[in-house]
Amino acid sequence: DASRVYRWAIRDALAPVPAPNAKP
């Protein structure tokens, strides 16, 4: 189940970082 675990974690770890001046 390594691929399932990888997807579970990486979706959070690599969630897009908002641009510095992006509106919430």
PDB file of all heavy atoms in Angstrom:
ATOM      1  N   ASP A   1       0.798  -1.222   0.000  1.00  0.00           N
ATOM      2  CA  ASP A   1       0.000   0.000   0.000  1.00  0.00           C
ATOM      3  C   ASP A   1       0.832   1.274   0.000  1.00  0.00           C
ATOM      4  O   ASP A   1       0.331   2.338   0.357  1.00  0.00           O
ATOM      5  CB  ASP A   1      -0.939  -0.013   1.217  1.00  0.00           C
ATOM      6  CG  ASP A   1      -2.032  -1.056   1.084  1.00  0.00           C
ATOM      7  OD1 ASP A   1      -3.034  -0.772   0.413  1.00  0.00           O
ATOM      8  OD2 ASP A   1      -1.853  -2.157   1.615  1.00  0.00           O
ATOM      9  N   ALA A   2       2.079   1.183  -0.411  1.00  0.00           N
ATOM     10  CA  ALA A   2       2.944   2.362  -0.385  1.00  0.00           C
ATOM     11  C   ALA A   2       2.385   3.498  -1.231  1.00  0.00           C
ATOM     12  O   ALA A   2       2.462   4.665  -0.844  1.00  0.00           O
ATOM     13  CB  ALA A   2       4.353   1.995  -0.851  1.00  0.00           C
ATOM     14  N   SER A   3       1.805   3.175  -2.379  1.00  0.00           N
ATOM     15  CA  SER A   3       1.261   4.233  -3.244  1.00  0.00           C
ATOM     16  C   SER A   3       0.078   4.936  -2.589  1.00  0.00           C
ATOM     17  O   SER A   3      -0.087   6.153  -2.713  1.00  0.00           O
ATOM     18  CB  SER A   3       0.844   3.652  -4.597  1.00  0.00           C
ATOM     19  OG  SER A   3       1.975   3.229  -5.328  1.00  0.00           O
ATOM     20  N   ARG A   4      -0.757   4.176  -1.875  1.00  0.00           N
ATOM     21  CA  ARG A   4      -1.883   4.784  -1.169  1.00  0.00           C
ATOM     22  C   ARG A   4      -1.399   5.714  -0.065  1.00  0.00           C
ATOM     23  O   ARG A   4      -1.925   6.815   0.116  1.00  0.00           O
ATOM     24  CB  ARG A   4      -2.795   3.708  -0.580  1.00  0.00           C
ATOM     25  CG  ARG A   4      -3.511   2.853  -1.602  1.00  0.00           C
ATOM     26  CD  ARG A   4      -4.233   1.695  -0.925  1.00  0.00           C
ATOM     27  NE  ARG A   4      -5.320   2.141  -0.071  1.00  0.00           N
ATOM     28  CZ  ARG A   4      -5.881   1.377   0.862  1.00  0.00           C
ATOM     29  NH1 ARG A   4      -5.435   0.160   1.088  1.00  0.00           N
ATOM     30  NH2 ARG A   4      -6.880   1.848   1.583  1.00  0.00           N
ATOM     31  N   VAL A   5      -0.388   5.254   0.678  1.00  0.00           N
ATOM     32  CA  VAL A   5       0.161   6.089   1.750  1.00  0.00           C
ATOM     33  C   VAL A   5       0.797   7.345   1.164  1.00  0.00           C
ATOM     34  O   VAL A   5       0.602   8.459   1.675  1.00  0.00           O
ATOM     35  CB  VAL A   5       1.186   5.292   2.578  1.00  0.00           C
ATOM     36  CG1 VAL A   5       1.841   6.189   3.615  1.00  0.00           C
ATOM     37  CG2 VAL A   5       0.521   4.090   3.241  1.00  0.00           C
ATOM     38  N   TYR A   6       1.541   7.165   0.092  1.00  0.00           N
ATOM     39  CA  TYR A   6       2.195   8.311  -0.548  1.00  0.00           C
ATOM     40  C   TYR A   6       1.161   9.357  -0.955  1.00  0.00           C
ATOM     41  O   TYR A   6       1.323  10.545  -0.659  1.00  0.00           O
ATOM     42  CB  TYR A   6       2.969   7.828  -1.778  1.00  0.00           C
ATOM     43  CG  TYR A   6       3.785   8.907  -2.454  1.00  0.00           C
ATOM     44  CD1 TYR A   6       5.110   9.125  -2.099  1.00  0.00           C
ATOM     45  CD2 TYR A   6       3.242   9.703  -3.464  1.00  0.00           C
ATOM     46  CE1 TYR A   6       5.867  10.109  -2.717  1.00  0.00           C
ATOM     47  CE2 TYR A   6       3.982  10.691  -4.084  1.00  0.00           C
ATOM     48  CZ  TYR A   6       5.299  10.887  -3.710  1.00  0.00           C
ATOM     49  OH  TYR A   6       6.033  11.873  -4.323  1.00  0.00           O
ATOM     50  N   ARG A   7       0.094   8.929  -1.602  1.00  0.00           N
ATOM     51  CA  ARG A   7      -0.920   9.888  -2.044  1.00  0.00           C
ATOM     52  C   ARG A   7      -1.590  10.569  -0.854  1.00  0.00           C
ATOM     53  O   ARG A   7      -1.821  11.785  -0.876  1.00  0.00           O
ATOM     54  CB  ARG A   7      -1.971   9.190  -2.912  1.00  0.00           C
ATOM     55  CG  ARG A   7      -2.970  10.180  -3.516  1.00  0.00           C
ATOM     56  CD  ARG A   7      -4.078   9.499  -4.252  1.00  0.00           C
ATOM     57  NE  ARG A   7      -5.016  10.485  -4.786  1.00  0.00           N
ATOM     58  CZ  ARG A   7      -6.286  10.218  -5.103  1.00  0.00           C
ATOM     59  NH1 ARG A   7      -6.758   8.987  -4.961  1.00  0.00           N
ATOM     60  NH2 ARG A   7      -7.072  11.176  -5.558  1.00  0.00           N
ATOM     61  N   TRP A   8      -1.896   9.796   0.192  1.00  0.00           N
ATOM     62  CA  TRP A   8      -2.527  10.380   1.385  1.00  0.00           C
ATOM     63  C   TRP A   8      -1.684  11.521   1.941  1.00  0.00           C
ATOM     64  O   TRP A   8      -2.209  12.590   2.263  1.00  0.00           O
ATOM     65  CB  TRP A   8      -2.707   9.287   2.448  1.00  0.00           C
ATOM     66  CG  TRP A   8      -2.925   9.822   3.829  1.00  0.00           C
ATOM     67  CD1 TRP A   8      -4.039  10.462   4.303  1.00  0.00           C
ATOM     68  CD2 TRP A   8      -1.969   9.804   4.922  1.00  0.00           C
ATOM     69  NE1 TRP A   8      -3.846  10.841   5.622  1.00  0.00           N
ATOM     70  CE2 TRP A   8      -2.595  10.448   6.021  1.00  0.00           C
ATOM     71  CE3 TRP A   8      -0.687   9.303   5.077  1.00  0.00           C
ATOM     72  CZ2 TRP A   8      -1.956  10.595   7.249  1.00  0.00           C
ATOM     73  CZ3 TRP A   8      -0.044   9.445   6.289  1.00  0.00           C
ATOM     74  CH2 TRP A   8      -0.671  10.091   7.361  1.00  0.00           C
ATOM     75  N   ALA A   9      -0.383  11.321   2.045  1.00  0.00           N
ATOM     76  CA  ALA A   9       0.478  12.326   2.661  1.00  0.00           C
ATOM     77  C   ALA A   9       0.855  13.444   1.703  1.00  0.00           C
ATOM     78  O   ALA A   9       0.878  14.615   2.086  1.00  0.00           O
ATOM     79  CB  ALA A   9       1.737  11.651   3.202  1.00  0.00           C
ATOM     80  N   ILE A  10       1.149  13.085   0.461  1.00  0.00           N
ATOM     81  CA  ILE A  10       1.699  14.083  -0.458  1.00  0.00           C
ATOM     82  C   ILE A  10       0.651  15.123  -0.846  1.00  0.00           C
ATOM     83  O   ILE A  10       0.987  16.264  -1.163  1.00  0.00           O
ATOM     84  CB  ILE A  10       2.317  13.398  -1.704  1.00  0.00           C
ATOM     85  CG1 ILE A  10       3.515  14.202  -2.226  1.00  0.00           C
ATOM     86  CG2 ILE A  10       1.284  13.185  -2.799  1.00  0.00           C
ATOM     87  CD1 ILE A  10       4.733  14.156  -1.366  1.00  0.00           C
ATOM     88  N   ARG A  11      -0.625  14.749  -0.793  1.00  0.00           N
ATOM     89  CA  ARG A  11      -1.676  15.743  -1.087  1.00  0.00           C
ATOM     90  C   ARG A  11      -1.636  16.894  -0.103  1.00  0.00           C
ATOM     91  O   ARG A  11      -1.946  18.035  -0.455  1.00  0.00           O
ATOM     92  CB  ARG A  11      -3.055  15.069  -1.043  1.00  0.00           C
ATOM     93  CG  ARG A  11      -3.378  14.262  -2.272  1.00  0.00           C
ATOM     94  CD  ARG A  11      -4.781  13.709  -2.246  1.00  0.00           C
ATOM     95  NE  ARG A  11      -4.959  12.740  -1.171  1.00  0.00           N
ATOM     96  CZ  ARG A  11      -6.067  12.034  -0.970  1.00  0.00           C
ATOM     97  NH1 ARG A  11      -7.116  12.215  -1.767  1.00  0.00           N
ATOM     98  NH2 ARG A  11      -6.146  11.173   0.018  1.00  0.00           N
ATOM     99  N   ASP A  12      -1.245  16.612   1.121  1.00  0.00           N
ATOM    100  CA  ASP A  12      -1.123  17.669   2.114  1.00  0.00           C
ATOM    101  C   ASP A  12       0.248  18.336   2.042  1.00  0.00           C
ATOM    102  O   ASP A  12       0.357  19.564   2.046  1.00  0.00           O
ATOM    103  CB  ASP A  12      -1.345  17.095   3.515  1.00  0.00           C
ATOM    104  CG  ASP A  12      -1.300  18.170   4.590  1.00  0.00           C
ATOM    105  OD1 ASP A  12      -2.296  18.898   4.738  1.00  0.00           O
ATOM    106  OD2 ASP A  12      -0.258  18.284   5.271  1.00  0.00           O
ATOM    107  N   ALA A  13       1.296  17.530   1.921  1.00  0.00           N
ATOM    108  CA  ALA A  13       2.655  18.075   1.934  1.00  0.00           C
ATOM    109  C   ALA A  13       2.914  18.994   0.748  1.00  0.00           C
ATOM    110  O   ALA A  13       3.678  19.964   0.862  1.00  0.00           O
ATOM    111  CB  ALA A  13       3.665  16.940   1.942  1.00  0.00           C
ATOM    112  N   LEU A  14       2.311  18.700  -0.409  1.00  0.00           N
ATOM    113  CA  LEU A  14       2.539  19.500  -1.608  1.00  0.00           C
ATOM    114  C   LEU A  14       1.302  20.269  -2.044  1.00  0.00           C
ATOM    115  O   LEU A  14       1.145  20.584  -3.227  1.00  0.00           O
ATOM    116  CB  LEU A  14       3.039  18.607  -2.759  1.00  0.00           C
ATOM    117  CG  LEU A  14       4.446  18.038  -2.583  1.00  0.00           C
ATOM    118  CD1 LEU A  14       4.837  17.207  -3.797  1.00  0.00           C
ATOM    119  CD2 LEU A  14       5.461  19.143  -2.350  1.00  0.00           C
ATOM    120  N   ALA A  15       0.434  20.567  -1.088  1.00  0.00           N
ATOM    121  CA  ALA A  15      -0.675  21.463  -1.405  1.00  0.00           C
ATOM    122  C   ALA A  15      -0.099  22.785  -1.907  1.00  0.00           C
ATOM    123  O   ALA A  15       0.912  23.256  -1.389  1.00  0.00           O
ATOM    124  CB  ALA A  15      -1.535  21.692  -0.173  1.00  0.00           C
ATOM    125  N   PRO A  16      -0.686  23.376  -2.947  1.00  0.00           N
ATOM    126  CA  PRO A  16      -0.104  24.597  -3.521  1.00  0.00           C
ATOM    127  C   PRO A  16       0.101  25.690  -2.481  1.00  0.00           C
ATOM    128  O   PRO A  16      -0.755  25.935  -1.626  1.00  0.00           O
ATOM    129  CB  PRO A  16      -1.136  25.015  -4.567  1.00  0.00           C
ATOM    130  CG  PRO A  16      -1.838  23.749  -4.929  1.00  0.00           C
ATOM    131  CD  PRO A  16      -1.889  22.947  -3.665  1.00  0.00           C
ATOM    132  N   VAL A  17       1.268  26.315  -2.532  1.00  0.00           N
ATOM    133  CA  VAL A  17       1.580  27.424  -1.632  1.00  0.00           C
ATOM    134  C   VAL A  17       0.998  28.701  -2.236  1.00  0.00           C
ATOM    135  O   VAL A  17       1.294  29.024  -3.386  1.00  0.00           O
ATOM    136  CB  VAL A  17       3.098  27.575  -1.449  1.00  0.00           C
ATOM    137  CG1 VAL A  17       3.419  28.793  -0.609  1.00  0.00           C
ATOM    138  CG2 VAL A  17       3.677  26.316  -0.820  1.00  0.00           C
ATOM    139  N   PRO A  18       0.153  29.433  -1.487  1.00  0.00           N
ATOM    140  CA  PRO A  18      -0.434  30.657  -2.054  1.00  0.00           C
ATOM    141  C   PRO A  18       0.649  31.688  -2.419  1.00  0.00           C
ATOM    142  O   PRO A  18       1.694  31.768  -1.767  1.00  0.00           O
ATOM    143  CB  PRO A  18      -1.323  31.176  -0.914  1.00  0.00           C
ATOM    144  CG  PRO A  18      -1.533  30.012  -0.010  1.00  0.00           C
ATOM    145  CD  PRO A  18      -0.305  29.166  -0.127  1.00  0.00           C
ATOM    146  N   ALA A  19       0.396  32.427  -3.463  1.00  0.00           N
ATOM    147  CA  ALA A  19       1.300  33.513  -3.831  1.00  0.00           C
ATOM    148  C   ALA A  19       1.345  34.536  -2.704  1.00  0.00           C
ATOM    149  O   ALA A  19       0.349  34.724  -1.968  1.00  0.00           O
ATOM    150  CB  ALA A  19       0.839  34.156  -5.124  1.00  0.00           C
ATOM    151  N   PRO A  20       2.474  35.249  -2.534  1.00  0.00           N
ATOM    152  CA  PRO A  20       2.622  36.178  -1.391  1.00  0.00           C
ATOM    153  C   PRO A  20       1.512  37.220  -1.280  1.00  0.00           C
ATOM    154  O   PRO A  20       1.095  37.573  -0.182  1.00  0.00           O
ATOM    155  CB  PRO A  20       3.974  36.839  -1.662  1.00  0.00           C
ATOM    156  CG  PRO A  20       4.716  35.859  -2.497  1.00  0.00           C
ATOM    157  CD  PRO A  20       3.686  35.159  -3.336  1.00  0.00           C
ATOM    158  N   ASN A  21       1.015  37.694  -2.415  1.00  0.00           N
ATOM    159  CA  ASN A  21      -0.011  38.739  -2.389  1.00  0.00           C
ATOM    160  C   ASN A  21      -1.391  38.231  -2.770  1.00  0.00           C
ATOM    161  O   ASN A  21      -2.278  39.028  -3.078  1.00  0.00           O
ATOM    162  CB  ASN A  21       0.391  39.878  -3.349  1.00  0.00           C
ATOM    163  CG  ASN A  21       1.694  40.537  -2.932  1.00  0.00           C
ATOM    164  OD1 ASN A  21       1.928  40.757  -1.741  1.00  0.00           O
ATOM    165  ND2 ASN A  21       2.536  40.848  -3.904  1.00  0.00           N
ATOM    166  N   ALA A  22      -1.540  36.916  -2.726  1.00  0.00           N
ATOM    167  CA  ALA A  22      -2.835  36.347  -3.104  1.00  0.00           C
ATOM    168  C   ALA A  22      -3.889  36.652  -2.053  1.00  0.00           C
ATOM    169  O   ALA A  22      -3.620  36.666  -0.849  1.00  0.00           O
ATOM    170  CB  ALA A  22      -2.712  34.837  -3.294  1.00  0.00           C
ATOM    171  N   LYS A  23      -5.111  36.909  -2.515  1.00  0.00           N
ATOM    172  CA  LYS A  23      -6.214  37.165  -1.604  1.00  0.00           C
ATOM    173  C   LYS A  23      -6.711  35.851  -1.033  1.00  0.00           C
ATOM    174  O   LYS A  23      -6.755  34.839  -1.736  1.00  0.00           O
ATOM    175  CB  LYS A  23      -7.347  37.875  -2.320  1.00  0.00           C
ATOM    176  CG  LYS A  23      -6.972  39.293  -2.798  1.00  0.00           C
ATOM    177  CD  LYS A  23      -8.151  39.943  -3.479  1.00  0.00           C
ATOM    178  CE  LYS A  23      -7.796  41.350  -3.942  1.00  0.00           C
ATOM    179  NZ  LYS A  23      -8.921  42.008  -4.621  1.00  0.00           N
ATOM    180  N   PRO A  24      -7.099  35.802   0.237  1.00  0.00           N
ATOM    181  CA  PRO A  24      -7.606  34.555   0.838  1.00  0.00           C
ATOM    182  C   PRO A  24      -8.941  34.162   0.223  1.00  0.00           C
ATOM    183  O   PRO A  24      -9.649  34.984  -0.313  1.00  0.00           O
ATOM    184  CB  PRO A  24      -7.757  34.931   2.328  1.00  0.00           C
ATOM    185  CG  PRO A  24      -7.876  36.415   2.352  1.00  0.00           C
ATOM    186  CD  PRO A  24      -7.071  36.925   1.179  1.00  0.00           C
TER     187      PRO A  24
END
